[in-house]
Amino acid sequence: MSKFKQGLGERGIQRLAEKHLQAAGIKDALVHTLRHTFATHHVQKGTDLRVVQEALSHASLATTGIYVHLAREQMDRQLQTNAL
């Protein structure tokens, strides 16, 4: 809620996220980075792709499908790094 008792808009959310990133000492992170990380982690953990699509407000499931590819790349790297 804003100081004017209004719902937060896109820019308000962005300002809050930037404020907390700065307070946490996280440099060079953007709100989009948080969104991207959120989606990738959910896909890795097995969250239904349609649920992730809805959370990100993507009109197309194909757009959300990008995160499946990214999650698989991360899993492949981890498997290679930790290979027996």
N, C-alpha and C. Protein backbone atom coordinates (compact mmCIF):
# COMPACT_ATOMS: atom_id res chain seq x y z
N MET A 1 0.86 -1.17 0.00
CA MET A 1 0.00 0.00 0.00
C MET A 1 0.90 1.23 0.00
N SER A 2 0.55 2.19 -0.80
CA SER A 2 1.34 3.43 -0.89
C SER A 2 1.00 4.36 0.27
N LYS A 3 1.79 5.41 0.39
CA LYS A 3 1.53 6.38 1.46
C LYS A 3 0.20 7.09 1.26
N PHE A 4 -0.36 7.01 0.04
CA PHE A 4 -1.65 7.62 -0.26
C PHE A 4 -2.79 6.62 -0.14
N LYS A 5 -2.50 5.48 0.49
CA LYS A 5 -3.49 4.42 0.71
C LYS A 5 -4.02 3.84 -0.60
N GLN A 6 -3.14 3.84 -1.61
CA GLN A 6 -3.47 3.27 -2.92
C GLN A 6 -2.70 1.96 -3.07
N GLY A 7 -3.14 1.11 -3.96
CA GLY A 7 -2.38 -0.08 -4.28
C GLY A 7 -1.07 0.31 -4.94
N LEU A 8 -0.05 -0.53 -4.78
CA LEU A 8 1.25 -0.23 -5.39
C LEU A 8 1.21 -0.54 -6.87
N GLY A 9 1.74 0.36 -7.64
CA GLY A 9 1.87 0.14 -9.07
C GLY A 9 3.19 -0.52 -9.38
N GLU A 10 3.44 -0.74 -10.64
CA GLU A 10 4.67 -1.39 -11.09
C GLU A 10 5.91 -0.63 -10.61
N ARG A 11 5.92 0.67 -10.76
CA ARG A 11 7.08 1.48 -10.37
C ARG A 11 7.27 1.48 -8.85
N GLY A 12 6.19 1.48 -8.10
CA GLY A 12 6.27 1.43 -6.64
C GLY A 12 6.90 0.14 -6.16
N ILE A 13 6.51 -0.95 -6.77
CA ILE A 13 7.09 -2.25 -6.42
C ILE A 13 8.57 -2.27 -6.77
N GLN A 14 8.90 -1.71 -7.93
CA GLN A 14 10.30 -1.65 -8.35
C GLN A 14 11.13 -0.84 -7.35
N ARG A 15 10.61 0.29 -6.91
CA ARG A 15 11.34 1.11 -5.92
C ARG A 15 11.56 0.36 -4.62
N LEU A 16 10.53 -0.33 -4.14
CA LEU A 16 10.66 -1.10 -2.90
C LEU A 16 11.70 -2.20 -3.04
N ALA A 17 11.66 -2.92 -4.14
CA ALA A 17 12.62 -4.00 -4.35
C ALA A 17 14.04 -3.44 -4.41
N GLU A 18 14.23 -2.33 -5.12
CA GLU A 18 15.55 -1.72 -5.22
C GLU A 18 16.05 -1.26 -3.85
N LYS A 19 15.15 -0.72 -3.04
CA LYS A 19 15.50 -0.27 -1.70
C LYS A 19 16.00 -1.45 -0.86
N HIS A 20 15.29 -2.57 -0.92
CA HIS A 20 15.67 -3.74 -0.12
C HIS A 20 16.93 -4.42 -0.66
N LEU A 21 17.10 -4.42 -1.96
CA LEU A 21 18.34 -4.97 -2.54
C LEU A 21 19.54 -4.15 -2.07
N GLN A 22 19.39 -2.83 -2.09
CA GLN A 22 20.47 -1.95 -1.66
C GLN A 22 20.75 -2.15 -0.17
N ALA A 23 19.70 -2.24 0.64
CA ALA A 23 19.87 -2.43 2.09
C ALA A 23 20.56 -3.76 2.39
N ALA A 24 20.33 -4.76 1.55
CA ALA A 24 20.95 -6.08 1.74
C ALA A 24 22.36 -6.13 1.18
N GLY A 25 22.76 -5.05 0.51
CA GLY A 25 24.11 -5.01 -0.06
C GLY A 25 24.25 -5.81 -1.34
N ILE A 26 23.14 -6.07 -2.01
CA ILE A 26 23.16 -6.82 -3.27
C ILE A 26 23.29 -5.81 -4.40
N LYS A 27 24.42 -5.86 -5.07
CA LYS A 27 24.72 -4.89 -6.13
C LYS A 27 24.38 -5.48 -7.50
N ASP A 28 24.06 -4.60 -8.42
CA ASP A 28 23.82 -4.96 -9.82
C ASP A 28 22.65 -5.91 -10.04
N ALA A 29 21.75 -6.01 -9.07
CA ALA A 29 20.56 -6.85 -9.26
C ALA A 29 19.40 -5.94 -9.65
N LEU A 30 18.58 -6.42 -10.52
CA LEU A 30 17.41 -5.68 -10.97
C LEU A 30 16.15 -6.43 -10.55
N VAL A 31 15.04 -5.74 -10.55
CA VAL A 31 13.77 -6.39 -10.25
C VAL A 31 13.54 -7.53 -11.24
N HIS A 32 13.93 -7.32 -12.47
CA HIS A 32 13.78 -8.37 -13.48
C HIS A 32 14.61 -9.60 -13.10
N THR A 33 15.76 -9.39 -12.50
CA THR A 33 16.60 -10.51 -12.05
C THR A 33 15.86 -11.32 -10.99
N LEU A 34 15.19 -10.65 -10.08
CA LEU A 34 14.41 -11.35 -9.05
C LEU A 34 13.28 -12.16 -9.68
N ARG A 35 12.62 -11.57 -10.62
CA ARG A 35 11.51 -12.24 -11.33
C ARG A 35 12.02 -13.48 -12.05
N HIS A 36 13.15 -13.31 -12.72
CA HIS A 36 13.78 -14.38 -13.48
C HIS A 36 14.19 -15.53 -12.54
N THR A 37 14.81 -15.17 -11.42
CA THR A 37 15.25 -16.16 -10.43
C THR A 37 14.06 -16.89 -9.83
N PHE A 38 13.02 -16.15 -9.50
CA PHE A 38 11.78 -16.73 -8.97
C PHE A 38 11.26 -17.81 -9.91
N ALA A 39 11.14 -17.47 -11.18
CA ALA A 39 10.58 -18.41 -12.15
C ALA A 39 11.48 -19.62 -12.34
N THR A 40 12.78 -19.40 -12.47
CA THR A 40 13.71 -20.50 -12.70
C THR A 40 13.69 -21.47 -11.52
N HIS A 41 13.71 -20.95 -10.31
CA HIS A 41 13.70 -21.82 -9.13
C HIS A 41 12.39 -22.61 -9.03
N HIS A 42 11.29 -21.97 -9.33
CA HIS A 42 10.01 -22.69 -9.27
C HIS A 42 9.96 -23.82 -10.29
N VAL A 43 10.45 -23.56 -11.48
CA VAL A 43 10.47 -24.61 -12.51
C VAL A 43 11.39 -25.74 -12.06
N GLN A 44 12.55 -25.41 -11.49
CA GLN A 44 13.48 -26.44 -11.01
C GLN A 44 12.84 -27.30 -9.92
N LYS A 45 12.04 -26.68 -9.08
CA LYS A 45 11.41 -27.40 -7.97
C LYS A 45 10.15 -28.16 -8.39
N GLY A 46 9.76 -27.99 -9.65
CA GLY A 46 8.62 -28.77 -10.15
C GLY A 46 7.28 -28.07 -10.11
N THR A 47 7.26 -26.78 -9.86
CA THR A 47 6.00 -26.04 -9.89
C THR A 47 5.41 -26.14 -11.30
N ASP A 48 4.13 -26.40 -11.38
CA ASP A 48 3.46 -26.52 -12.66
C ASP A 48 3.71 -25.27 -13.50
N LEU A 49 4.04 -25.46 -14.76
CA LEU A 49 4.39 -24.36 -15.65
C LEU A 49 3.23 -23.36 -15.79
N ARG A 50 2.01 -23.83 -15.76
CA ARG A 50 0.86 -22.92 -15.87
C ARG A 50 0.75 -22.02 -14.63
N VAL A 51 1.14 -22.56 -13.47
CA VAL A 51 1.13 -21.76 -12.24
C VAL A 51 2.19 -20.66 -12.35
N VAL A 52 3.39 -21.01 -12.84
CA VAL A 52 4.45 -20.02 -13.03
C VAL A 52 4.00 -18.99 -14.06
N GLN A 53 3.36 -19.44 -15.12
CA GLN A 53 2.85 -18.54 -16.15
C GLN A 53 1.89 -17.52 -15.54
N GLU A 54 1.00 -17.98 -14.70
CA GLU A 54 0.02 -17.09 -14.07
C GLU A 54 0.71 -16.11 -13.13
N ALA A 55 1.69 -16.59 -12.36
CA ALA A 55 2.40 -15.73 -11.40
C ALA A 55 3.16 -14.62 -12.12
N LEU A 56 3.68 -14.92 -13.31
CA LEU A 56 4.44 -13.93 -14.08
C LEU A 56 3.56 -13.10 -15.00
N SER A 57 2.29 -13.44 -15.08
CA SER A 57 1.33 -12.77 -15.97
C SER A 57 1.74 -12.86 -17.43
N HIS A 58 2.29 -14.01 -17.81
CA HIS A 58 2.62 -14.22 -19.23
C HIS A 58 1.36 -14.62 -19.98
N ALA A 59 1.16 -14.04 -21.12
CA ALA A 59 0.00 -14.38 -21.95
C ALA A 59 0.19 -15.75 -22.60
N SER A 60 1.44 -16.07 -22.93
CA SER A 60 1.74 -17.29 -23.66
C SER A 60 2.55 -18.25 -22.80
N LEU A 61 2.17 -19.52 -22.83
CA LEU A 61 2.93 -20.55 -22.13
C LEU A 61 4.31 -20.71 -22.75
N ALA A 62 4.43 -20.41 -24.03
CA ALA A 62 5.72 -20.50 -24.72
C ALA A 62 6.73 -19.52 -24.10
N THR A 63 6.28 -18.36 -23.69
CA THR A 63 7.16 -17.39 -23.04
C THR A 63 7.67 -17.95 -21.72
N THR A 64 6.80 -18.57 -20.96
CA THR A 64 7.18 -19.16 -19.68
C THR A 64 8.09 -20.36 -19.89
N GLY A 65 7.94 -21.03 -21.01
CA GLY A 65 8.74 -22.22 -21.32
C GLY A 65 10.24 -21.94 -21.38
N ILE A 66 10.61 -20.69 -21.56
CA ILE A 66 12.04 -20.32 -21.56
C ILE A 66 12.68 -20.75 -20.25
N TYR A 67 11.95 -20.65 -19.16
CA TYR A 67 12.49 -20.98 -17.85
C TYR A 67 12.77 -22.48 -17.71
N VAL A 68 12.04 -23.30 -18.45
CA VAL A 68 12.32 -24.74 -18.43
C VAL A 68 13.71 -24.98 -19.00
N HIS A 69 14.02 -24.33 -20.10
CA HIS A 69 15.33 -24.48 -20.73
C HIS A 69 16.43 -24.00 -19.78
N LEU A 70 16.23 -22.87 -19.14
CA LEU A 70 17.22 -22.32 -18.22
C LEU A 70 17.41 -23.22 -17.01
N ALA A 71 16.32 -23.76 -16.48
CA ALA A 71 16.40 -24.66 -15.33
C ALA A 71 17.16 -25.93 -15.70
N ARG A 72 16.92 -26.44 -16.90
CA ARG A 72 17.64 -27.65 -17.34
C ARG A 72 19.13 -27.37 -17.50
N GLU A 73 19.48 -26.22 -18.03
CA GLU A 73 20.89 -25.85 -18.16
C GLU A 73 21.56 -25.80 -16.79
N GLN A 74 20.88 -25.21 -15.81
CA GLN A 74 21.44 -25.13 -14.46
C GLN A 74 21.61 -26.52 -13.86
N MET A 75 20.62 -27.37 -14.04
CA MET A 75 20.72 -28.73 -13.51
C MET A 75 21.86 -29.49 -14.17
N ASP A 76 22.02 -29.34 -15.48
CA ASP A 76 23.11 -30.00 -16.19
C ASP A 76 24.47 -29.54 -15.67
N ARG A 77 24.60 -28.23 -15.44
CA ARG A 77 25.87 -27.70 -14.90
C ARG A 77 26.16 -28.27 -13.52
N GLN A 78 25.14 -28.35 -12.68
CA GLN A 78 25.32 -28.88 -11.34
C GLN A 78 25.69 -30.35 -11.37
N LEU A 79 25.05 -31.11 -12.25
CA LEU A 79 25.39 -32.52 -12.38
C LEU A 79 26.83 -32.69 -12.86
N GLN A 80 27.24 -31.87 -13.79
CA GLN A 80 28.61 -31.96 -14.30
C GLN A 80 29.62 -31.56 -13.22
N THR A 81 29.32 -30.52 -12.48
CA THR A 81 30.22 -30.06 -11.43
C THR A 81 30.37 -31.11 -10.33
N ASN A 82 29.29 -31.79 -10.03
CA ASN A 82 29.27 -32.74 -8.92
C ASN A 82 29.34 -34.20 -9.40
N ALA A 83 29.82 -34.40 -10.61
CA ALA A 83 29.90 -35.76 -11.15
C ALA A 83 30.84 -36.62 -10.30
N LEU A 84 30.51 -37.87 -10.20
CA LEU A 84 31.34 -38.81 -9.42
C LEU A 84 32.58 -39.18 -10.17
